[in-house]
Amino acid sequence: MKPSTGRQKALAKALTALIPLAPFSDAEAIRDAAGQRKMRELPPSIAVWIATVAHVRHEHSDYDALLDEGYDRDSARHFVIDQMNAVLTTWRATRLVEADEEGD
């Protein structure tokens, strides 16, 4: 998707700054999530971070499997932080997930 609005351009710039080496398919999914209506009131950098955390949690960690096994959200999040940060590090993220962070 080629950015066409000011908001889309700002999201694309924030995405590139946060996770410069993310694979295209992941970056597109994150950009789409960050551009959702519910994220419009947030600054682009915050929207991209929230979308990135949610995407990595659900697509690149055992989070959903842990929930399926009966773990509560907080416990499942605790157990996948290292997996998430490993992915973010591979993508050369400028920020990593911390233990007390919220988000989907």
PDB file of N, CA and C in Angstrom:
ATOM      1  N   MET A   1       0.842  -1.174   0.000  1.00  0.00           N
ATOM      2  CA  MET A   1       0.000   0.000   0.000  1.00  0.00           C
ATOM      3  C   MET A   1       0.885   1.235   0.000  1.00  0.00           C
ATOM      4  N   LYS A   2       0.712   2.082  -0.959  1.00  0.00           N
ATOM      5  CA  LYS A   2       1.456   3.329  -1.019  1.00  0.00           C
ATOM      6  C   LYS A   2       0.734   4.376  -0.171  1.00  0.00           C
ATOM      7  N   PRO A   3       1.430   4.987   0.783  1.00  0.00           N
ATOM      8  CA  PRO A   3       0.785   5.994   1.622  1.00  0.00           C
ATOM      9  C   PRO A   3       0.244   7.141   0.787  1.00  0.00           C
ATOM     10  N   SER A   4      -1.012   7.510   1.043  1.00  0.00           N
ATOM     11  CA  SER A   4      -1.611   8.563   0.237  1.00  0.00           C
ATOM     12  C   SER A   4      -2.073   9.753   1.068  1.00  0.00           C
ATOM     13  N   THR A   5      -2.372   9.554   2.335  1.00  0.00           N
ATOM     14  CA  THR A   5      -2.787  10.666   3.175  1.00  0.00           C
ATOM     15  C   THR A   5      -1.641  11.050   4.100  1.00  0.00           C
ATOM     16  N   GLY A   6      -1.772  12.201   4.710  1.00  0.00           N
ATOM     17  CA  GLY A   6      -0.761  12.628   5.670  1.00  0.00           C
ATOM     18  C   GLY A   6      -0.622  11.644   6.810  1.00  0.00           C
ATOM     19  N   ARG A   7      -1.754  11.131   7.283  1.00  0.00           N
ATOM     20  CA  ARG A   7      -1.727  10.151   8.376  1.00  0.00           C
ATOM     21  C   ARG A   7      -1.007   8.874   7.935  1.00  0.00           C
ATOM     22  N   GLN A   8      -1.315   8.386   6.736  1.00  0.00           N
ATOM     23  CA  GLN A   8      -0.667   7.168   6.235  1.00  0.00           C
ATOM     24  C   GLN A   8       0.831   7.370   6.073  1.00  0.00           C
ATOM     25  N   LYS A   9       1.220   8.531   5.602  1.00  0.00           N
ATOM     26  CA  LYS A   9       2.651   8.819   5.461  1.00  0.00           C
ATOM     27  C   LYS A   9       3.335   8.866   6.819  1.00  0.00           C
ATOM     28  N   ALA A  10       2.659   9.468   7.798  1.00  0.00           N
ATOM     29  CA  ALA A  10       3.221   9.551   9.142  1.00  0.00           C
ATOM     30  C   ALA A  10       3.342   8.157   9.763  1.00  0.00           C
ATOM     31  N   LEU A  11       2.346   7.301   9.532  1.00  0.00           N
ATOM     32  CA  LEU A  11       2.415   5.927  10.040  1.00  0.00           C
ATOM     33  C   LEU A  11       3.557   5.165   9.374  1.00  0.00           C
ATOM     34  N   ALA A  12       3.712   5.332   8.066  1.00  0.00           N
ATOM     35  CA  ALA A  12       4.790   4.650   7.345  1.00  0.00           C
ATOM     36  C   ALA A  12       6.156   5.098   7.863  1.00  0.00           C
ATOM     37  N   LYS A  13       6.299   6.376   8.117  1.00  0.00           N
ATOM     38  CA  LYS A  13       7.562   6.908   8.629  1.00  0.00           C
ATOM     39  C   LYS A  13       7.838   6.372  10.039  1.00  0.00           C
ATOM     40  N   ALA A  14       6.809   6.349  10.889  1.00  0.00           N
ATOM     41  CA  ALA A  14       6.965   5.835  12.250  1.00  0.00           C
ATOM     42  C   ALA A  14       7.304   4.346  12.236  1.00  0.00           C
ATOM     43  N   LEU A  15       6.684   3.619  11.322  1.00  0.00           N
ATOM     44  CA  LEU A  15       6.938   2.181  11.207  1.00  0.00           C
ATOM     45  C   LEU A  15       8.384   1.922  10.802  1.00  0.00           C
ATOM     46  N   THR A  16       8.868   2.636   9.821  1.00  0.00           N
ATOM     47  CA  THR A  16      10.244   2.482   9.356  1.00  0.00           C
ATOM     48  C   THR A  16      11.235   2.853  10.459  1.00  0.00           C
ATOM     49  N   ALA A  17      10.896   3.888  11.224  1.00  0.00           N
ATOM     50  CA  ALA A  17      11.787   4.307  12.316  1.00  0.00           C
ATOM     51  C   ALA A  17      11.807   3.275  13.437  1.00  0.00           C
ATOM     52  N   LEU A  18      10.670   2.660  13.738  1.00  0.00           N
ATOM     53  CA  LEU A  18      10.582   1.719  14.847  1.00  0.00           C
ATOM     54  C   LEU A  18      11.151   0.349  14.509  1.00  0.00           C
ATOM     55  N   ILE A  19      10.774  -0.202  13.360  1.00  0.00           N
ATOM     56  CA  ILE A  19      11.182  -1.567  13.004  1.00  0.00           C
ATOM     57  C   ILE A  19      11.670  -1.597  11.557  1.00  0.00           C
ATOM     58  N   PRO A  20      12.852  -1.056  11.322  1.00  0.00           N
ATOM     59  CA  PRO A  20      13.341  -0.901   9.950  1.00  0.00           C
ATOM     60  C   PRO A  20      13.533  -2.203   9.170  1.00  0.00           C
ATOM     61  N   LEU A  21      13.763  -3.320   9.837  1.00  0.00           N
ATOM     62  CA  LEU A  21      14.013  -4.571   9.120  1.00  0.00           C
ATOM     63  C   LEU A  21      12.865  -5.572   9.211  1.00  0.00           C
ATOM     64  N   ALA A  22      11.674  -5.089   9.547  1.00  0.00           N
ATOM     65  CA  ALA A  22      10.517  -5.989   9.594  1.00  0.00           C
ATOM     66  C   ALA A  22      10.204  -6.494   8.195  1.00  0.00           C
ATOM     67  N   PRO A  23       9.856  -7.764   8.074  1.00  0.00           N
ATOM     68  CA  PRO A  23       9.448  -8.283   6.764  1.00  0.00           C
ATOM     69  C   PRO A  23       8.239  -7.514   6.240  1.00  0.00           C
ATOM     70  N   PHE A  24       8.153  -7.417   4.926  1.00  0.00           N
ATOM     71  CA  PHE A  24       7.098  -6.630   4.291  1.00  0.00           C
ATOM     72  C   PHE A  24       5.709  -7.044   4.763  1.00  0.00           C
ATOM     73  N   SER A  25       5.432  -8.343   4.808  1.00  0.00           N
ATOM     74  CA  SER A  25       4.089  -8.797   5.187  1.00  0.00           C
ATOM     75  C   SER A  25       3.743  -8.393   6.620  1.00  0.00           C
ATOM     76  N   ASP A  26       4.717  -8.443   7.511  1.00  0.00           N
ATOM     77  CA  ASP A  26       4.479  -8.005   8.884  1.00  0.00           C
ATOM     78  C   ASP A  26       4.287  -6.491   8.937  1.00  0.00           C
ATOM     79  N   ALA A  27       5.129  -5.768   8.227  1.00  0.00           N
ATOM     80  CA  ALA A  27       5.016  -4.306   8.219  1.00  0.00           C
ATOM     81  C   ALA A  27       3.667  -3.861   7.678  1.00  0.00           C
ATOM     82  N   GLU A  28       3.176  -4.522   6.638  1.00  0.00           N
ATOM     83  CA  GLU A  28       1.868  -4.170   6.076  1.00  0.00           C
ATOM     84  C   GLU A  28       0.748  -4.423   7.075  1.00  0.00           C
ATOM     85  N   ALA A  29       0.796  -5.557   7.761  1.00  0.00           N
ATOM     86  CA  ALA A  29      -0.233  -5.877   8.754  1.00  0.00           C
ATOM     87  C   ALA A  29      -0.205  -4.865   9.904  1.00  0.00           C
ATOM     88  N   ILE A  30       0.985  -4.490  10.326  1.00  0.00           N
ATOM     89  CA  ILE A  30       1.132  -3.510  11.407  1.00  0.00           C
ATOM     90  C   ILE A  30       0.637  -2.141  10.949  1.00  0.00           C
ATOM     91  N   ARG A  31       0.986  -1.749   9.745  1.00  0.00           N
ATOM     92  CA  ARG A  31       0.543  -0.459   9.206  1.00  0.00           C
ATOM     93  C   ARG A  31      -0.987  -0.424   9.123  1.00  0.00           C
ATOM     94  N   ASP A  32      -1.586  -1.508   8.660  1.00  0.00           N
ATOM     95  CA  ASP A  32      -3.050  -1.572   8.573  1.00  0.00           C
ATOM     96  C   ASP A  32      -3.689  -1.442   9.951  1.00  0.00           C
ATOM     97  N   ALA A  33      -3.142  -2.148  10.927  1.00  0.00           N
ATOM     98  CA  ALA A  33      -3.690  -2.091  12.286  1.00  0.00           C
ATOM     99  C   ALA A  33      -3.528  -0.691  12.884  1.00  0.00           C
ATOM    100  N   ALA A  34      -2.383  -0.080  12.653  1.00  0.00           N
ATOM    101  CA  ALA A  34      -2.140   1.263  13.184  1.00  0.00           C
ATOM    102  C   ALA A  34      -3.036   2.304  12.533  1.00  0.00           C
ATOM    103  N   GLY A  35      -3.510   2.013  11.333  1.00  0.00           N
ATOM    104  CA  GLY A  35      -4.373   2.948  10.621  1.00  0.00           C
ATOM    105  C   GLY A  35      -5.855   2.785  10.911  1.00  0.00           C
ATOM    106  N   GLN A  36      -6.209   1.854  11.769  1.00  0.00           N
ATOM    107  CA  GLN A  36      -7.629   1.632  12.080  1.00  0.00           C
ATOM    108  C   GLN A  36      -8.242   2.840  12.776  1.00  0.00           C
ATOM    109  N   ARG A  37      -9.532   2.953  12.628  1.00  0.00           N
ATOM    110  CA  ARG A  37     -10.281   4.078  13.192  1.00  0.00           C
ATOM    111  C   ARG A  37      -9.990   4.275  14.681  1.00  0.00           C
ATOM    112  N   LYS A  38      -9.934   3.180  15.437  1.00  0.00           N
ATOM    113  CA  LYS A  38      -9.728   3.296  16.888  1.00  0.00           C
ATOM    114  C   LYS A  38      -8.366   3.870  17.263  1.00  0.00           C
ATOM    115  N   MET A  39      -7.443   3.921  16.303  1.00  0.00           N
ATOM    116  CA  MET A  39      -6.096   4.441  16.564  1.00  0.00           C
ATOM    117  C   MET A  39      -5.921   5.895  16.102  1.00  0.00           C
ATOM    118  N   ARG A  40      -6.913   6.452  15.475  1.00  0.00           N
ATOM    119  CA  ARG A  40      -6.762   7.775  14.839  1.00  0.00           C
ATOM    120  C   ARG A  40      -6.403   8.905  15.788  1.00  0.00           C
ATOM    121  N   GLU A  41      -6.851   8.815  17.016  1.00  0.00           N
ATOM    122  CA  GLU A  41      -6.579   9.900  17.971  1.00  0.00           C
ATOM    123  C   GLU A  41      -5.166   9.842  18.541  1.00  0.00           C
ATOM    124  N   LEU A  42      -4.496   8.726  18.316  1.00  0.00           N
ATOM    125  CA  LEU A  42      -3.139   8.556  18.857  1.00  0.00           C
ATOM    126  C   LEU A  42      -2.096   9.129  17.906  1.00  0.00           C
ATOM    127  N   PRO A  43      -0.989   9.612  18.446  1.00  0.00           N
ATOM    128  CA  PRO A  43       0.118  10.011  17.577  1.00  0.00           C
ATOM    129  C   PRO A  43       0.586   8.790  16.769  1.00  0.00           C
ATOM    130  N   PRO A  44       1.051   8.996  15.557  1.00  0.00           N
ATOM    131  CA  PRO A  44       1.481   7.870  14.715  1.00  0.00           C
ATOM    132  C   PRO A  44       2.480   6.931  15.402  1.00  0.00           C
ATOM    133  N   SER A  45       3.437   7.470  16.121  1.00  0.00           N
ATOM    134  CA  SER A  45       4.439   6.609  16.755  1.00  0.00           C
ATOM    135  C   SER A  45       3.816   5.701  17.812  1.00  0.00           C
ATOM    136  N   ILE A  46       2.834   6.191  18.533  1.00  0.00           N
ATOM    137  CA  ILE A  46       2.157   5.385  19.554  1.00  0.00           C
ATOM    138  C   ILE A  46       1.279   4.326  18.886  1.00  0.00           C
ATOM    139  N   ALA A  47       0.540   4.727  17.857  1.00  0.00           N
ATOM    140  CA  ALA A  47      -0.322   3.781  17.134  1.00  0.00           C
ATOM    141  C   ALA A  47       0.506   2.645  16.536  1.00  0.00           C
ATOM    142  N   VAL A  48       1.644   2.980  15.968  1.00  0.00           N
ATOM    143  CA  VAL A  48       2.515   1.960  15.377  1.00  0.00           C
ATOM    144  C   VAL A  48       3.077   1.046  16.462  1.00  0.00           C
ATOM    145  N   TRP A  49       3.470   1.596  17.597  1.00  0.00           N
ATOM    146  CA  TRP A  49       4.001   0.758  18.668  1.00  0.00           C
ATOM    147  C   TRP A  49       2.933  -0.214  19.172  1.00  0.00           C
ATOM    148  N   ILE A  50       1.732   0.272  19.438  1.00  0.00           N
ATOM    149  CA  ILE A  50       0.648  -0.593  19.930  1.00  0.00           C
ATOM    150  C   ILE A  50       0.343  -1.684  18.912  1.00  0.00           C
ATOM    151  N   ALA A  51       0.267  -1.310  17.642  1.00  0.00           N
ATOM    152  CA  ALA A  51      -0.009  -2.291  16.587  1.00  0.00           C
ATOM    153  C   ALA A  51       1.131  -3.305  16.469  1.00  0.00           C
ATOM    154  N   THR A  52       2.354  -2.855  16.634  1.00  0.00           N
ATOM    155  CA  THR A  52       3.517  -3.751  16.560  1.00  0.00           C
ATOM    156  C   THR A  52       3.494  -4.760  17.697  1.00  0.00           C
ATOM    157  N   VAL A  53       3.252  -4.285  18.902  1.00  0.00           N
ATOM    158  CA  VAL A  53       3.217  -5.172  20.062  1.00  0.00           C
ATOM    159  C   VAL A  53       2.126  -6.228  19.884  1.00  0.00           C
ATOM    160  N   ALA A  54       0.941  -5.796  19.487  1.00  0.00           N
ATOM    161  CA  ALA A  54      -0.165  -6.742  19.304  1.00  0.00           C
ATOM    162  C   ALA A  54       0.163  -7.756  18.203  1.00  0.00           C
ATOM    163  N   HIS A  55       0.711  -7.273  17.097  1.00  0.00           N
ATOM    164  CA  HIS A  55       1.034  -8.167  15.981  1.00  0.00           C
ATOM    165  C   HIS A  55       2.079  -9.207  16.387  1.00  0.00           C
ATOM    166  N   VAL A  56       3.147  -8.759  16.987  1.00  0.00           N
ATOM    167  CA  VAL A  56       4.213  -9.684  17.381  1.00  0.00           C
ATOM    168  C   VAL A  56       3.689 -10.670  18.429  1.00  0.00           C
ATOM    169  N   ARG A  57       2.903 -10.183  19.366  1.00  0.00           N
ATOM    170  CA  ARG A  57       2.359 -11.055  20.409  1.00  0.00           C
ATOM    171  C   ARG A  57       1.513 -12.172  19.800  1.00  0.00           C
ATOM    172  N   HIS A  58       0.635 -11.809  18.867  1.00  0.00           N
ATOM    173  CA  HIS A  58      -0.299 -12.792  18.313  1.00  0.00           C
ATOM    174  C   HIS A  58       0.281 -13.634  17.177  1.00  0.00           C
ATOM    175  N   GLU A  59       1.211 -13.082  16.421  1.00  0.00           N
ATOM    176  CA  GLU A  59       1.720 -13.774  15.233  1.00  0.00           C
ATOM    177  C   GLU A  59       3.097 -14.417  15.402  1.00  0.00           C
ATOM    178  N   HIS A  60       3.854 -13.982  16.396  1.00  0.00           N
ATOM    179  CA  HIS A  60       5.242 -14.456  16.525  1.00  0.00           C
ATOM    180  C   HIS A  60       5.593 -14.953  17.917  1.00  0.00           C
ATOM    181  N   SER A  61       4.579 -15.272  18.709  1.00  0.00           N
ATOM    182  CA  SER A  61       4.855 -15.822  20.042  1.00  0.00           C
ATOM    183  C   SER A  61       3.826 -16.902  20.362  1.00  0.00           C
ATOM    184  N   ASP A  62       4.012 -17.515  21.504  1.00  0.00           N
ATOM    185  CA  ASP A  62       3.103 -18.563  21.969  1.00  0.00           C
ATOM    186  C   ASP A  62       1.917 -18.008  22.761  1.00  0.00           C
ATOM    187  N   TYR A  63       1.692 -16.711  22.701  1.00  0.00           N
ATOM    188  CA  TYR A  63       0.651 -16.054  23.500  1.00  0.00           C
ATOM    189  C   TYR A  63      -0.718 -16.719  23.354  1.00  0.00           C
ATOM    190  N   ASP A  64      -1.207 -16.867  22.144  1.00  0.00           N
ATOM    191  CA  ASP A  64      -2.537 -17.439  21.940  1.00  0.00           C
ATOM    192  C   ASP A  64      -2.602 -18.892  22.401  1.00  0.00           C
ATOM    193  N   ALA A  65      -1.538 -19.642  22.202  1.00  0.00           N
ATOM    194  CA  ALA A  65      -1.501 -21.033  22.677  1.00  0.00           C
ATOM    195  C   ALA A  65      -1.560 -21.085  24.199  1.00  0.00           C
ATOM    196  N   LEU A  66      -0.877 -20.152  24.853  1.00  0.00           N
ATOM    197  CA  LEU A  66      -0.921 -20.108  26.314  1.00  0.00           C
ATOM    198  C   LEU A  66      -2.325 -19.780  26.811  1.00  0.00           C
ATOM    199  N   LEU A  67      -2.991 -18.853  26.136  1.00  0.00           N
ATOM    200  CA  LEU A  67      -4.375 -18.544  26.502  1.00  0.00           C
ATOM    201  C   LEU A  67      -5.251 -19.776  26.332  1.00  0.00           C
ATOM    202  N   ASP A  68      -5.041 -20.491  25.225  1.00  0.00           N
ATOM    203  CA  ASP A  68      -5.814 -21.713  24.966  1.00  0.00           C
ATOM    204  C   ASP A  68      -5.569 -22.773  26.033  1.00  0.00           C
ATOM    205  N   GLU A  69      -4.382 -22.765  26.636  1.00  0.00           N
ATOM    206  CA  GLU A  69      -4.042 -23.729  27.682  1.00  0.00           C
ATOM    207  C   GLU A  69      -4.597 -23.323  29.043  1.00  0.00           C
ATOM    208  N   GLY A  70      -5.197 -22.128  29.104  1.00  0.00           N
ATOM    209  CA  GLY A  70      -5.815 -21.699  30.353  1.00  0.00           C
ATOM    210  C   GLY A  70      -5.079 -20.618  31.121  1.00  0.00           C
ATOM    211  N   TYR A  71      -3.953 -20.153  30.601  1.00  0.00           N
ATOM    212  CA  TYR A  71      -3.254 -19.059  31.270  1.00  0.00           C
ATOM    213  C   TYR A  71      -4.079 -17.783  31.149  1.00  0.00           C
ATOM    214  N   ASP A  72      -4.028 -16.933  32.175  1.00  0.00           N
ATOM    215  CA  ASP A  72      -4.694 -15.637  32.068  1.00  0.00           C
ATOM    216  C   ASP A  72      -3.819 -14.707  31.221  1.00  0.00           C
ATOM    217  N   ARG A  73      -4.394 -13.608  30.767  1.00  0.00           N
ATOM    218  CA  ARG A  73      -3.679 -12.693  29.863  1.00  0.00           C
ATOM    219  C   ARG A  73      -2.354 -12.212  30.432  1.00  0.00           C
ATOM    220  N   ASP A  74      -2.368 -11.796  31.699  1.00  0.00           N
ATOM    221  CA  ASP A  74      -1.136 -11.261  32.284  1.00  0.00           C
ATOM    222  C   ASP A  74      -0.031 -12.314  32.347  1.00  0.00           C
ATOM    223  N   SER A  75      -0.386 -13.524  32.732  1.00  0.00           N
ATOM    224  CA  SER A  75       0.616 -14.594  32.790  1.00  0.00           C
ATOM    225  C   SER A  75       1.137 -14.928  31.399  1.00  0.00           C
ATOM    226  N   ALA A  76       0.231 -15.047  30.433  1.00  0.00           N
ATOM    227  CA  ALA A  76       0.639 -15.357  29.065  1.00  0.00           C
ATOM    228  C   ALA A  76       1.561 -14.259  28.533  1.00  0.00           C
ATOM    229  N   ARG A  77       1.217 -13.014  28.803  1.00  0.00           N
ATOM    230  CA  ARG A  77       2.067 -11.898  28.355  1.00  0.00           C
ATOM    231  C   ARG A  77       3.446 -11.983  28.989  1.00  0.00           C
ATOM    232  N   HIS A  78       3.490 -12.305  30.258  1.00  0.00           N
ATOM    233  CA  HIS A  78       4.777 -12.428  30.957  1.00  0.00           C
ATOM    234  C   HIS A  78       5.662 -13.485  30.287  1.00  0.00           C
ATOM    235  N   PHE A  79       5.067 -14.615  29.953  1.00  0.00           N
ATOM    236  CA  PHE A  79       5.849 -15.722  29.406  1.00  0.00           C
ATOM    237  C   PHE A  79       6.325 -15.505  27.974  1.00  0.00           C
ATOM    238  N   VAL A  80       5.739 -14.571  27.237  1.00  0.00           N
ATOM    239  CA  VAL A  80       6.148 -14.374  25.837  1.00  0.00           C
ATOM    240  C   VAL A  80       6.999 -13.126  25.607  1.00  0.00           C
ATOM    241  N   ILE A  81       7.305 -12.390  26.650  1.00  0.00           N
ATOM    242  CA  ILE A  81       8.098 -11.160  26.470  1.00  0.00           C
ATOM    243  C   ILE A  81       9.431 -11.454  25.778  1.00  0.00           C
ATOM    244  N   ASP A  82      10.127 -12.491  26.198  1.00  0.00           N
ATOM    245  CA  ASP A  82      11.429 -12.790  25.582  1.00  0.00           C
ATOM    246  C   ASP A  82      11.278 -13.153  24.106  1.00  0.00           C
ATOM    247  N   GLN A  83      10.241 -13.932  23.775  1.00  0.00           N
ATOM    248  CA  GLN A  83       9.986 -14.273  22.366  1.00  0.00           C
ATOM    249  C   GLN A  83       9.722 -13.002  21.558  1.00  0.00           C
ATOM    250  N   MET A  84       8.890 -12.131  22.104  1.00  0.00           N
ATOM    251  CA  MET A  84       8.549 -10.896  21.396  1.00  0.00           C
ATOM    252  C   MET A  84       9.784 -10.029  21.187  1.00  0.00           C
ATOM    253  N   ASN A  85      10.573  -9.871  22.230  1.00  0.00           N
ATOM    254  CA  ASN A  85      11.766  -9.036  22.114  1.00  0.00           C
ATOM    255  C   ASN A  85      12.800  -9.631  21.170  1.00  0.00           C
ATOM    256  N   ALA A  86      12.850 -10.946  21.072  1.00  0.00           N
ATOM    257  CA  ALA A  86      13.753 -11.587  20.105  1.00  0.00           C
ATOM    258  C   ALA A  86      13.343 -11.212  18.677  1.00  0.00           C
ATOM    259  N   VAL A  87      12.045 -11.235  18.405  1.00  0.00           N
ATOM    260  CA  VAL A  87      11.557 -10.835  17.074  1.00  0.00           C
ATOM    261  C   VAL A  87      11.858  -9.365  16.832  1.00  0.00           C
ATOM    262  N   LEU A  88      11.554  -8.529  17.798  1.00  0.00           N
ATOM    263  CA  LEU A  88      11.802  -7.095  17.648  1.00  0.00           C
ATOM    264  C   LEU A  88      13.284  -6.807  17.441  1.00  0.00           C
ATOM    265  N   THR A  89      14.135  -7.533  18.116  1.00  0.00           N
ATOM    266  CA  THR A  89      15.577  -7.362  17.948  1.00  0.00           C
ATOM    267  C   THR A  89      16.002  -7.748  16.531  1.00  0.00           C
ATOM    268  N   THR A  90      15.453  -8.844  16.025  1.00  0.00           N
ATOM    269  CA  THR A  90      15.744  -9.266  14.650  1.00  0.00           C
ATOM    270  C   THR A  90      15.341  -8.174  13.656  1.00  0.00           C
ATOM    271  N   TRP A  91      14.254  -7.498  13.954  1.00  0.00           N
ATOM    272  CA  TRP A  91      13.766  -6.424  13.080  1.00  0.00           C
ATOM    273  C   TRP A  91      14.496  -5.106  13.343  1.00  0.00           C
ATOM    274  N   ARG A  92      15.468  -5.116  14.229  1.00  0.00           N
ATOM    275  CA  ARG A  92      16.244  -3.929  14.610  1.00  0.00           C
ATOM    276  C   ARG A  92      15.355  -2.833  15.203  1.00  0.00           C
ATOM    277  N   ALA A  93      14.400  -3.260  16.033  1.00  0.00           N
ATOM    278  CA  ALA A  93      13.490  -2.313  16.671  1.00  0.00           C
ATOM    279  C   ALA A  93      14.262  -1.344  17.550  1.00  0.00           C
ATOM    280  N   THR A  94      13.773  -0.129  17.614  1.00  0.00           N
ATOM    281  CA  THR A  94      14.399   0.888  18.456  1.00  0.00           C
ATOM    282  C   THR A  94      13.805   0.878  19.861  1.00  0.00           C
ATOM    283  N   ARG A  95      12.870  -0.047  20.091  1.00  0.00           N
ATOM    284  CA  ARG A  95      12.211  -0.154  21.400  1.00  0.00           C
ATOM    285  C   ARG A  95      11.855  -1.634  21.608  1.00  0.00           C
ATOM    286  N   LEU A  96      11.884  -2.073  22.864  1.00  0.00           N
ATOM    287  CA  LEU A  96      11.491  -3.440  23.202  1.00  0.00           C
ATOM    288  C   LEU A  96      10.333  -3.422  24.190  1.00  0.00           C
ATOM    289  N   VAL A  97       9.677  -4.549  24.333  1.00  0.00           N
ATOM    290  CA  VAL A  97       8.537  -4.681  25.237  1.00  0.00           C
ATOM    291  C   VAL A  97       9.057  -4.797  26.666  1.00  0.00           C
ATOM    292  N   GLU A  98       8.403  -4.096  27.577  1.00  0.00           N
ATOM    293  CA  GLU A  98       8.756  -4.179  28.990  1.00  0.00           C
ATOM    294  C   GLU A  98       7.671  -4.953  29.731  1.00  0.00           C
ATOM    295  N   ALA A  99       8.007  -5.515  30.856  1.00  0.00           N
ATOM    296  CA  ALA A  99       7.108  -6.405  31.599  1.00  0.00           C
ATOM    297  C   ALA A  99       5.786  -5.751  31.994  1.00  0.00           C
ATOM    298  N   ASP A 100       5.777  -4.481  32.243  1.00  0.00           N
ATOM    299  CA  ASP A 100       4.553  -3.833  32.722  1.00  0.00           C
ATOM    300  C   ASP A 100       3.726  -3.162  31.626  1.00  0.00           C
ATOM    301  N   GLU A 101       4.061  -3.418  30.372  1.00  0.00           N
ATOM    302  CA  GLU A 101       3.335  -2.790  29.264  1.00  0.00           C
ATOM    303  C   GLU A 101       1.998  -3.438  29.004  1.00  0.00           C
ATOM    304  N   GLU A 102       1.019  -2.614  28.718  1.00  0.00           N
ATOM    305  CA  GLU A 102      -0.311  -3.094  28.347  1.00  0.00           C
ATOM    306  C   GLU A 102      -0.437  -3.089  26.838  1.00  0.00           C
ATOM    307  N   GLY A 103      -1.553  -3.514  26.341  1.00  0.00           N
ATOM    308  CA  GLY A 103      -1.824  -3.561  24.916  1.00  0.00           C
ATOM    309  C   GLY A 103      -2.517  -4.848  24.576  1.00  0.00           C
ATOM    310  N   ASP A 104      -3.071  -4.928  23.363  1.00  0.00           N
ATOM    311  CA  ASP A 104      -3.802  -6.145  23.010  1.00  0.00           C
ATOM    312  C   ASP A 104      -2.819  -7.246  22.760  1.00  0.00           C
TER     313      ASP A 104
END
